Amino acid sequence: VQLQASGGGLVQPGGSLRLSCVASGRSIVGSYIMGWYRQAPGKQRELVATIHSGGVIDYADSVKGRFTISRDNAKNTLYLQMSSLKPEDTAVYYCNGRTIGIVYWGRGTLVTVSS
């Protein structure tokens, strides 16, 4: 299984971006716990949001009300809609898929929030 994230870029504070993560090799988006993580310069990787196979969604407190995680099972694709972006949201964003005994990570996509 390969996860390919895209959609990052440079955006001004208050702006929006949508990240996508396409899974290839196996249909996992609808059956695994899928998530977005991020790692800012000099900091540890942190959880941003997860969506479980049954639809339960969790967000980090820092992004609640601003970010929305979603998925398209038919396209085997995970999304992260980010709004009201802040400079502190600047990081490399990674998608992740996991189930019992298996974890897949994609390459990250850089999001830079700056004026």
Protein backbone atom coordinates (compact mmCIF):
# COMPACT_ATOMS: atom_id res chain seq x y z
CA VAL A 1 0.00 0.00 0.00
CA GLN A 2 1.21 3.47 -0.86
CA LEU A 3 -0.21 6.74 0.42
CA GLN A 4 0.37 9.87 -1.62
CA ALA A 5 -0.49 13.21 -0.05
CA SER A 6 -0.88 16.39 -2.06
CA GLY A 7 -2.42 19.84 -1.88
CA GLY A 8 0.08 21.66 0.28
CA GLY A 9 1.42 25.08 -0.53
CA LEU A 10 1.82 28.65 0.61
CA VAL A 11 -1.29 30.38 1.94
CA GLN A 12 -1.93 33.61 3.80
CA PRO A 13 -3.24 33.61 7.35
CA GLY A 14 -7.00 33.16 7.29
CA GLY A 15 -6.85 31.25 4.03
CA SER A 16 -7.87 27.72 3.15
CA LEU A 17 -6.33 24.62 1.63
CA ARG A 18 -7.55 21.11 0.95
CA LEU A 19 -5.16 18.22 1.29
CA SER A 20 -5.74 14.90 -0.42
CA CYS A 21 -4.24 11.48 0.25
CA VAL A 22 -4.71 8.76 -2.34
CA ALA A 23 -4.16 5.17 -1.27
CA SER A 24 -3.04 2.69 -3.88
CA GLY A 25 -2.46 -1.03 -3.78
CA ARG A 26 -5.40 -1.89 -1.55
CA SER A 27 -8.72 -0.34 -0.60
CA ILE A 28 -8.05 0.84 2.92
CA VAL A 29 -9.63 4.27 3.30
CA GLY A 30 -13.04 2.87 4.21
CA SER A 31 -11.80 0.07 6.45
CA TYR A 32 -8.74 1.38 8.27
CA ILE A 33 -8.38 4.15 10.81
CA MET A 34 -7.22 6.99 8.60
CA GLY A 35 -5.56 10.09 9.91
CA TRP A 36 -3.66 13.26 9.26
CA TYR A 37 -0.59 14.17 11.27
CA ARG A 38 1.75 17.12 11.05
CA GLN A 39 5.28 17.97 12.02
CA ALA A 40 6.41 21.54 12.43
CA PRO A 41 10.11 22.48 12.28
CA GLY A 42 11.84 21.46 15.49
CA LYS A 43 8.75 19.75 16.88
CA GLN A 44 7.47 16.23 17.18
CA ARG A 45 4.88 14.83 14.83
CA GLU A 46 1.38 15.36 16.21
CA LEU A 47 -2.06 14.07 15.45
CA VAL A 48 -4.36 16.44 13.57
CA ALA A 49 -7.46 14.35 12.89
CA THR A 50 -8.61 10.77 12.49
CA ILE A 51 -11.61 9.08 10.95
CA HIS A 52 -12.52 5.53 11.89
CA SER A 53 -14.07 2.96 9.60
CA GLY A 54 -17.40 3.42 11.36
CA GLY A 55 -17.27 7.17 10.82
CA VAL A 56 -16.16 8.37 14.24
CA ILE A 57 -14.02 11.49 13.87
CA ASP A 58 -11.55 13.04 16.29
CA TYR A 59 -9.67 16.32 16.06
CA ALA A 60 -6.80 17.87 17.92
CA ASP A 61 -8.05 20.75 20.05
CA SER A 62 -5.87 23.16 18.09
CA VAL A 63 -7.77 22.52 14.84
CA LYS A 64 -11.34 21.93 16.03
CA GLY A 65 -13.80 24.11 14.18
CA ARG A 66 -11.26 24.95 11.48
CA PHE A 67 -10.28 21.62 9.89
CA THR A 68 -12.53 18.90 8.50
CA ILE A 69 -11.43 15.36 7.74
CA SER A 70 -13.39 13.33 5.22
CA ARG A 71 -12.98 10.41 2.87
CA ASP A 72 -14.22 9.04 -0.42
CA ASN A 73 -14.18 5.27 -0.14
CA ALA A 74 -14.85 4.76 -3.84
CA LYS A 75 -11.78 6.83 -4.70
CA ASN A 76 -9.77 5.39 -1.81
CA THR A 77 -8.94 8.97 -0.90
CA LEU A 78 -8.69 10.86 2.37
CA TYR A 79 -9.11 14.63 2.61
CA LEU A 80 -8.36 17.40 5.03
CA GLN A 81 -10.13 20.71 4.48
CA MET A 82 -8.28 23.42 6.35
CA SER A 83 -9.80 26.85 6.91
CA SER A 84 -8.90 29.92 8.96
CA LEU A 85 -5.29 28.89 8.72
CA LYS A 86 -2.80 30.31 11.19
CA PRO A 87 0.98 30.64 11.01
CA GLU A 88 1.21 27.95 13.69
CA ASP A 89 -0.42 25.51 11.27
CA THR A 90 2.78 25.60 9.21
CA ALA A 91 4.11 22.04 9.03
CA VAL A 92 4.62 19.01 6.86
CA TYR A 93 1.34 17.13 6.81
CA TYR A 94 1.29 13.33 6.59
CA CYS A 95 -1.52 10.89 6.01
CA ASN A 96 -1.66 7.60 7.85
CA GLY A 97 -3.65 4.42 7.64
CA ARG A 98 -3.65 1.81 10.37
CA THR A 99 -5.29 -1.35 11.54
CA ILE A 100 -4.26 -4.13 13.92
CA GLY A 101 -0.59 -4.81 13.34
CA ILE A 102 -0.26 -2.59 10.28
CA VAL A 103 0.59 1.08 9.86
CA TYR A 104 1.09 2.90 6.58
CA TRP A 105 2.55 6.38 6.22
CA GLY A 106 2.58 8.57 3.19
CA ARG A 107 5.15 11.14 2.21
CA GLY A 108 4.28 14.53 3.56
CA THR A 109 3.06 17.67 1.90
CA LEU A 110 4.28 21.04 3.13
CA VAL A 111 1.82 23.67 4.26
CA THR A 112 3.20 27.14 4.88
CA VAL A 113 0.97 29.82 6.36
CA SER A 114 2.58 33.21 5.99
CA SER A 115 1.86 36.71 4.81
